[in-house]
PDB file of N, CA and C in Angstrom:
ATOM      1  N   MET A   1       0.851  -1.174   0.000  1.00  0.00           N
ATOM      2  CA  MET A   1       0.000   0.000   0.000  1.00  0.00           C
ATOM      3  C   MET A   1       0.893   1.234   0.000  1.00  0.00           C
ATOM      4  N   SER A   2       0.575   2.153  -0.878  1.00  0.00           N
ATOM      5  CA  SER A   2       1.374   3.363  -0.972  1.00  0.00           C
ATOM      6  C   SER A   2       0.831   4.437  -0.036  1.00  0.00           C
ATOM      7  N   ARG A   3       1.607   5.472   0.130  1.00  0.00           N
ATOM      8  CA  ARG A   3       1.217   6.567   1.006  1.00  0.00           C
ATOM      9  C   ARG A   3      -0.040   7.270   0.488  1.00  0.00           C
ATOM     10  N   GLY A   4      -0.247   7.273  -0.818  1.00  0.00           N
ATOM     11  CA  GLY A   4      -1.405   7.920  -1.404  1.00  0.00           C
ATOM     12  C   GLY A   4      -2.714   7.202  -1.118  1.00  0.00           C
ATOM     13  N   ASP A   5      -2.648   5.929  -0.723  1.00  0.00           N
ATOM     14  CA  ASP A   5      -3.856   5.151  -0.437  1.00  0.00           C
ATOM     15  C   ASP A   5      -4.407   5.405   0.956  1.00  0.00           C
ATOM     16  N   LEU A   6      -3.661   6.070   1.821  1.00  0.00           N
ATOM     17  CA  LEU A   6      -4.098   6.294   3.192  1.00  0.00           C
ATOM     18  C   LEU A   6      -5.097   7.445   3.270  1.00  0.00           C
ATOM     19  N   LEU A   7      -6.026   7.331   4.211  1.00  0.00           N
ATOM     20  CA  LEU A   7      -6.993   8.394   4.460  1.00  0.00           C
ATOM     21  C   LEU A   7      -6.451   9.299   5.550  1.00  0.00           C
ATOM     22  N   GLU A   8      -6.533  10.604   5.362  1.00  0.00           N
ATOM     23  CA  GLU A   8      -6.064  11.541   6.383  1.00  0.00           C
ATOM     24  C   GLU A   8      -7.260  12.134   7.102  1.00  0.00           C
ATOM     25  N   LEU A   9      -7.255  12.033   8.431  1.00  0.00           N
ATOM     26  CA  LEU A   9      -8.335  12.529   9.276  1.00  0.00           C
ATOM     27  C   LEU A   9      -7.775  13.511  10.285  1.00  0.00           C
ATOM     28  N   GLU A  10      -8.581  14.471  10.686  1.00  0.00           N
ATOM     29  CA  GLU A  10      -8.201  15.430  11.723  1.00  0.00           C
ATOM     30  C   GLU A  10      -8.775  14.954  13.055  1.00  0.00           C
ATOM     31  N   GLY A  11      -8.060  15.229  14.145  1.00  0.00           N
ATOM     32  CA  GLY A  11      -8.551  14.848  15.452  1.00  0.00           C
ATOM     33  C   GLY A  11      -7.763  15.493  16.574  1.00  0.00           C
ATOM     34  N   THR A  12      -8.125  15.113  17.801  1.00  0.00           N
ATOM     35  CA  THR A  12      -7.495  15.638  19.008  1.00  0.00           C
ATOM     36  C   THR A  12      -6.974  14.469  19.822  1.00  0.00           C
ATOM     37  N   ILE A  13      -5.763  14.608  20.355  1.00  0.00           N
ATOM     38  CA  ILE A  13      -5.198  13.556  21.190  1.00  0.00           C
ATOM     39  C   ILE A  13      -5.919  13.562  22.533  1.00  0.00           C
ATOM     40  N   VAL A  14      -6.451  12.399  22.907  1.00  0.00           N
ATOM     41  CA  VAL A  14      -7.192  12.259  24.148  1.00  0.00           C
ATOM     42  C   VAL A  14      -6.295  11.734  25.256  1.00  0.00           C
ATOM     43  N   ASP A  15      -5.436  10.754  24.925  1.00  0.00           N
ATOM     44  CA  ASP A  15      -4.639  10.090  25.956  1.00  0.00           C
ATOM     45  C   ASP A  15      -3.334   9.599  25.346  1.00  0.00           C
ATOM     46  N   ALA A  16      -2.268   9.626  26.136  1.00  0.00           N
ATOM     47  CA  ALA A  16      -0.985   9.052  25.744  1.00  0.00           C
ATOM     48  C   ALA A  16      -0.892   7.671  26.375  1.00  0.00           C
ATOM     49  N   LEU A  17      -0.866   6.643  25.545  1.00  0.00           N
ATOM     50  CA  LEU A  17      -0.808   5.262  26.015  1.00  0.00           C
ATOM     51  C   LEU A  17       0.646   4.804  26.061  1.00  0.00           C
ATOM     52  N   GLY A  18       0.891   3.621  26.552  1.00  0.00           N
ATOM     53  CA  GLY A  18       2.249   3.098  26.628  1.00  0.00           C
ATOM     54  C   GLY A  18       2.786   2.684  25.273  1.00  0.00           C
ATOM     55  N   GLY A  19       4.092   2.623  25.156  1.00  0.00           N
ATOM     56  CA  GLY A  19       4.732   2.157  23.941  1.00  0.00           C
ATOM     57  C   GLY A  19       4.670   3.133  22.787  1.00  0.00           C
ATOM     58  N   GLY A  20       4.525   4.413  23.068  1.00  0.00           N
ATOM     59  CA  GLY A  20       4.483   5.409  22.006  1.00  0.00           C
ATOM     60  C   GLY A  20       3.157   5.482  21.269  1.00  0.00           C
ATOM     61  N   GLN A  21       2.118   4.911  21.832  1.00  0.00           N
ATOM     62  CA  GLN A  21       0.788   4.939  21.225  1.00  0.00           C
ATOM     63  C   GLN A  21      -0.016   6.097  21.800  1.00  0.00           C
ATOM     64  N   TYR A  22      -0.927   6.624  20.999  1.00  0.00           N
ATOM     65  CA  TYR A  22      -1.798   7.715  21.417  1.00  0.00           C
ATOM     66  C   TYR A  22      -3.235   7.377  21.044  1.00  0.00           C
ATOM     67  N   ALA A  23      -4.178   7.760  21.898  1.00  0.00           N
ATOM     68  CA  ALA A  23      -5.599   7.630  21.588  1.00  0.00           C
ATOM     69  C   ALA A  23      -6.060   8.969  21.034  1.00  0.00           C
ATOM     70  N   ILE A  24      -6.654   8.947  19.842  1.00  0.00           N
ATOM     71  CA  ILE A  24      -7.048  10.169  19.153  1.00  0.00           C
ATOM     72  C   ILE A  24      -8.532  10.112  18.857  1.00  0.00           C
ATOM     73  N   LYS A  25      -9.255  11.166  19.225  1.00  0.00           N
ATOM     74  CA  LYS A  25     -10.676  11.272  18.898  1.00  0.00           C
ATOM     75  C   LYS A  25     -10.793  12.002  17.572  1.00  0.00           C
ATOM     76  N   VAL A  26     -11.308  11.297  16.577  1.00  0.00           N
ATOM     77  CA  VAL A  26     -11.413  11.818  15.221  1.00  0.00           C
ATOM     78  C   VAL A  26     -12.655  12.694  15.110  1.00  0.00           C
ATOM     79  N   ASP A  27     -12.544  13.797  14.361  1.00  0.00           N
ATOM     80  CA  ASP A  27     -13.667  14.712  14.183  1.00  0.00           C
ATOM     81  C   ASP A  27     -14.814  14.062  13.411  1.00  0.00           C
ATOM     82  N   GLN A  28     -14.505  13.297  12.377  1.00  0.00           N
ATOM     83  CA  GLN A  28     -15.534  12.644  11.582  1.00  0.00           C
ATOM     84  C   GLN A  28     -16.019  11.390  12.302  1.00  0.00           C
ATOM     85  N   GLY A  29     -17.231  11.400  12.773  1.00  0.00           N
ATOM     86  CA  GLY A  29     -17.793  10.232  13.422  1.00  0.00           C
ATOM     87  C   GLY A  29     -17.491  10.131  14.905  1.00  0.00           C
ATOM     88  N   GLY A  30     -16.493  10.827  15.393  1.00  0.00           N
ATOM     89  CA  GLY A  30     -16.177  10.815  16.813  1.00  0.00           C
ATOM     90  C   GLY A  30     -15.582   9.506  17.315  1.00  0.00           C
ATOM     91  N   SER A  31     -15.032   8.678  16.425  1.00  0.00           N
ATOM     92  CA  SER A  31     -14.451   7.410  16.849  1.00  0.00           C
ATOM     93  C   SER A  31     -13.046   7.622  17.417  1.00  0.00           C
ATOM     94  N   ILE A  32     -12.570   6.629  18.132  1.00  0.00           N
ATOM     95  CA  ILE A  32     -11.233   6.671  18.732  1.00  0.00           C
ATOM     96  C   ILE A  32     -10.285   5.847  17.862  1.00  0.00           C
ATOM     97  N   VAL A  33      -9.134   6.434  17.522  1.00  0.00           N
ATOM     98  CA  VAL A  33      -8.116   5.775  16.711  1.00  0.00           C
ATOM     99  C   VAL A  33      -6.844   5.681  17.538  1.00  0.00           C
ATOM    100  N   ARG A  34      -6.217   4.503  17.541  1.00  0.00           N
ATOM    101  CA  ARG A  34      -4.909   4.359  18.190  1.00  0.00           C
ATOM    102  C   ARG A  34      -3.846   4.618  17.142  1.00  0.00           C
ATOM    103  N   ALA A  35      -2.910   5.505  17.444  1.00  0.00           N
ATOM    104  CA  ALA A  35      -1.902   5.875  16.449  1.00  0.00           C
ATOM    105  C   ALA A  35      -0.557   6.078  17.116  1.00  0.00           C
ATOM    106  N   GLN A  36       0.476   6.005  16.298  1.00  0.00           N
ATOM    107  CA  GLN A  36       1.827   6.294  16.768  1.00  0.00           C
ATOM    108  C   GLN A  36       2.433   7.338  15.845  1.00  0.00           C
ATOM    109  N   LEU A  37       3.551   7.920  16.258  1.00  0.00           N
ATOM    110  CA  LEU A  37       4.205   8.958  15.466  1.00  0.00           C
ATOM    111  C   LEU A  37       4.802   8.358  14.198  1.00  0.00           C
ATOM    112  N   SER A  38       4.719   9.099  13.112  1.00  0.00           N
ATOM    113  CA  SER A  38       5.344   8.648  11.876  1.00  0.00           C
ATOM    114  C   SER A  38       6.861   8.795  12.004  1.00  0.00           C
ATOM    115  N   GLY A  39       7.583   8.161  11.109  1.00  0.00           N
ATOM    116  CA  GLY A  39       9.043   8.176  11.151  1.00  0.00           C
ATOM    117  C   GLY A  39       9.629   9.568  11.028  1.00  0.00           C
ATOM    118  N   ARG A  40       9.030  10.401  10.187  1.00  0.00           N
ATOM    119  CA  ARG A  40       9.542  11.752  10.007  1.00  0.00           C
ATOM    120  C   ARG A  40       9.368  12.584  11.273  1.00  0.00           C
ATOM    121  N   MET A  41       8.242  12.385  11.988  1.00  0.00           N
ATOM    122  CA  MET A  41       8.028  13.136  13.233  1.00  0.00           C
ATOM    123  C   MET A  41       9.002  12.673  14.313  1.00  0.00           C
ATOM    124  N   ARG A  42       9.314  11.379  14.335  1.00  0.00           N
ATOM    125  CA  ARG A  42      10.308  10.881  15.290  1.00  0.00           C
ATOM    126  C   ARG A  42      11.696  11.412  14.953  1.00  0.00           C
ATOM    127  N   ARG A  43      12.001  11.459  13.665  1.00  0.00           N
ATOM    128  CA  ARG A  43      13.322  11.906  13.220  1.00  0.00           C
ATOM    129  C   ARG A  43      13.605  13.340  13.629  1.00  0.00           C
ATOM    130  N   PHE A  44      12.612  14.222  13.528  1.00  0.00           N
ATOM    131  CA  PHE A  44      12.800  15.629  13.860  1.00  0.00           C
ATOM    132  C   PHE A  44      12.358  15.966  15.283  1.00  0.00           C
ATOM    133  N   HIS A  45      12.127  14.945  16.118  1.00  0.00           N
ATOM    134  CA  HIS A  45      11.812  15.097  17.540  1.00  0.00           C
ATOM    135  C   HIS A  45      10.607  16.005  17.787  1.00  0.00           C
ATOM    136  N   ILE A  46       9.539  15.812  17.004  1.00  0.00           N
ATOM    137  CA  ILE A  46       8.313  16.583  17.202  1.00  0.00           C
ATOM    138  C   ILE A  46       7.490  15.894  18.279  1.00  0.00           C
ATOM    139  N   ARG A  47       7.206  16.609  19.335  1.00  0.00           N
ATOM    140  CA  ARG A  47       6.487  16.052  20.473  1.00  0.00           C
ATOM    141  C   ARG A  47       5.009  16.383  20.383  1.00  0.00           C
ATOM    142  N   VAL A  48       4.187  15.475  20.856  1.00  0.00           N
ATOM    143  CA  VAL A  48       2.749  15.711  20.919  1.00  0.00           C
ATOM    144  C   VAL A  48       2.267  15.400  22.334  1.00  0.00           C
ATOM    145  N   LEU A  49       1.272  16.145  22.778  1.00  0.00           N
ATOM    146  CA  LEU A  49       0.717  15.993  24.115  1.00  0.00           C
ATOM    147  C   LEU A  49      -0.799  15.874  24.018  1.00  0.00           C
ATOM    148  N   PRO A  50      -1.439  15.305  25.040  1.00  0.00           N
ATOM    149  CA  PRO A  50      -2.912  15.278  25.038  1.00  0.00           C
ATOM    150  C   PRO A  50      -3.480  16.688  24.916  1.00  0.00           C
ATOM    151  N   GLY A  51      -4.473  16.830  24.051  1.00  0.00           N
ATOM    152  CA  GLY A  51      -5.070  18.122  23.782  1.00  0.00           C
ATOM    153  C   GLY A  51      -4.603  18.735  22.470  1.00  0.00           C
ATOM    154  N   ASP A  52      -3.519  18.224  21.874  1.00  0.00           N
ATOM    155  CA  ASP A  52      -3.012  18.748  20.610  1.00  0.00           C
ATOM    156  C   ASP A  52      -3.898  18.312  19.446  1.00  0.00           C
ATOM    157  N   ARG A  53      -4.017  19.192  18.454  1.00  0.00           N
ATOM    158  CA  ARG A  53      -4.719  18.848  17.216  1.00  0.00           C
ATOM    159  C   ARG A  53      -3.716  18.178  16.284  1.00  0.00           C
ATOM    160  N   VAL A  54      -4.086  17.044  15.694  1.00  0.00           N
ATOM    161  CA  VAL A  54      -3.182  16.300  14.816  1.00  0.00           C
ATOM    162  C   VAL A  54      -3.918  15.829  13.575  1.00  0.00           C
ATOM    163  N   ARG A  55      -3.135  15.480  12.567  1.00  0.00           N
ATOM    164  CA  ARG A  55      -3.657  14.843  11.360  1.00  0.00           C
ATOM    165  C   ARG A  55      -3.170  13.396  11.379  1.00  0.00           C
ATOM    166  N   VAL A  56      -4.090  12.453  11.198  1.00  0.00           N
ATOM    167  CA  VAL A  56      -3.793  11.033  11.294  1.00  0.00           C
ATOM    168  C   VAL A  56      -4.029  10.369   9.946  1.00  0.00           C
ATOM    169  N   ALA A  57      -3.083   9.560   9.493  1.00  0.00           N
ATOM    170  CA  ALA A  57      -3.246   8.776   8.271  1.00  0.00           C
ATOM    171  C   ALA A  57      -3.653   7.365   8.674  1.00  0.00           C
ATOM    172  N   VAL A  58      -4.816   6.924   8.205  1.00  0.00           N
ATOM    173  CA  VAL A  58      -5.314   5.578   8.528  1.00  0.00           C
ATOM    174  C   VAL A  58      -5.530   4.804   7.241  1.00  0.00           C
ATOM    175  N   SER A  59      -5.439   3.483   7.364  1.00  0.00           N
ATOM    176  CA  SER A  59      -5.678   2.593   6.243  1.00  0.00           C
ATOM    177  C   SER A  59      -7.182   2.438   6.020  1.00  0.00           C
ATOM    178  N   PRO A  60      -7.626   2.342   4.785  1.00  0.00           N
ATOM    179  CA  PRO A  60      -9.055   2.105   4.550  1.00  0.00           C
ATOM    180  C   PRO A  60      -9.483   0.713   4.990  1.00  0.00           C
ATOM    181  N   TYR A  61      -8.546  -0.209   5.173  1.00  0.00           N
ATOM    182  CA  TYR A  61      -8.865  -1.567   5.571  1.00  0.00           C
ATOM    183  C   TYR A  61      -9.029  -1.711   7.080  1.00  0.00           C
ATOM    184  N   ASP A  62      -8.271  -0.936   7.860  1.00  0.00           N
ATOM    185  CA  ASP A  62      -8.365  -0.981   9.316  1.00  0.00           C
ATOM    186  C   ASP A  62      -8.340   0.450   9.856  1.00  0.00           C
ATOM    187  N   PRO A  63      -9.501   1.095   9.953  1.00  0.00           N
ATOM    188  CA  PRO A  63      -9.519   2.510  10.365  1.00  0.00           C
ATOM    189  C   PRO A  63      -9.349   2.735  11.864  1.00  0.00           C
ATOM    190  N   THR A  64      -8.975   1.707  12.642  1.00  0.00           N
ATOM    191  CA  THR A  64      -8.781   1.885  14.078  1.00  0.00           C
ATOM    192  C   THR A  64      -7.320   2.108  14.440  1.00  0.00           C
ATOM    193  N   HIS A  65      -6.403   1.959  13.486  1.00  0.00           N
ATOM    194  CA  HIS A  65      -4.976   2.172  13.722  1.00  0.00           C
ATOM    195  C   HIS A  65      -4.450   3.148  12.691  1.00  0.00           C
ATOM    196  N   GLY A  66      -3.465   3.963  13.098  1.00  0.00           N
ATOM    197  CA  GLY A  66      -2.933   4.934  12.150  1.00  0.00           C
ATOM    198  C   GLY A  66      -1.600   5.507  12.553  1.00  0.00           C
ATOM    199  N   LEU A  67      -1.163   6.481  11.766  1.00  0.00           N
ATOM    200  CA  LEU A  67       0.088   7.196  11.990  1.00  0.00           C
ATOM    201  C   LEU A  67      -0.205   8.686  12.122  1.00  0.00           C
ATOM    202  N   ILE A  68       0.425   9.315  13.092  1.00  0.00           N
ATOM    203  CA  ILE A  68       0.304  10.761  13.248  1.00  0.00           C
ATOM    204  C   ILE A  68       1.311  11.384  12.293  1.00  0.00           C
ATOM    205  N   VAL A  69       0.809  12.130  11.309  1.00  0.00           N
ATOM    206  CA  VAL A  69       1.683  12.690  10.285  1.00  0.00           C
ATOM    207  C   VAL A  69       1.876  14.192  10.403  1.00  0.00           C
ATOM    208  N   PHE A  70       1.034  14.889  11.201  1.00  0.00           N
ATOM    209  CA  PHE A  70       1.154  16.342  11.301  1.00  0.00           C
ATOM    210  C   PHE A  70       0.590  16.792  12.641  1.00  0.00           C
ATOM    211  N   ARG A  71       1.282  17.715  13.294  1.00  0.00           N
ATOM    212  CA  ARG A  71       0.802  18.311  14.545  1.00  0.00           C
ATOM    213  C   ARG A  71       0.361  19.725  14.241  1.00  0.00           C
ATOM    214  N   GLY A  72      -0.906  20.019  14.535  1.00  0.00           N
ATOM    215  CA  GLY A  72      -1.450  21.350  14.264  1.00  0.00           C
ATOM    216  C   GLY A  72      -1.018  22.352  15.320  1.00  0.00           C
ATOM    217  N   ARG A  73      -1.411  23.580  15.129  1.00  0.00           N
ATOM    218  CA  ARG A  73      -1.039  24.645  16.053  1.00  0.00           C
ATOM    219  C   ARG A  73      -2.055  24.803  17.138  1.00  0.00           C
TER     220      ARG A  73
END
């Protein structure tokens, strides 16, 4: 699956879970997605905290897991 096949959703981080996982409440539908930081965000040491607005890339096959690709302001 290529990067272009992923769906990008906006949401808010609700909780920081163990192992670098985050619980994110998505604006569309209000569902909870478990996500981790993408490689580029880890590389540049971009930190995220509960309450931050983020953009999450999820697979169309499993929309409950994803990658945090952008931290909003």
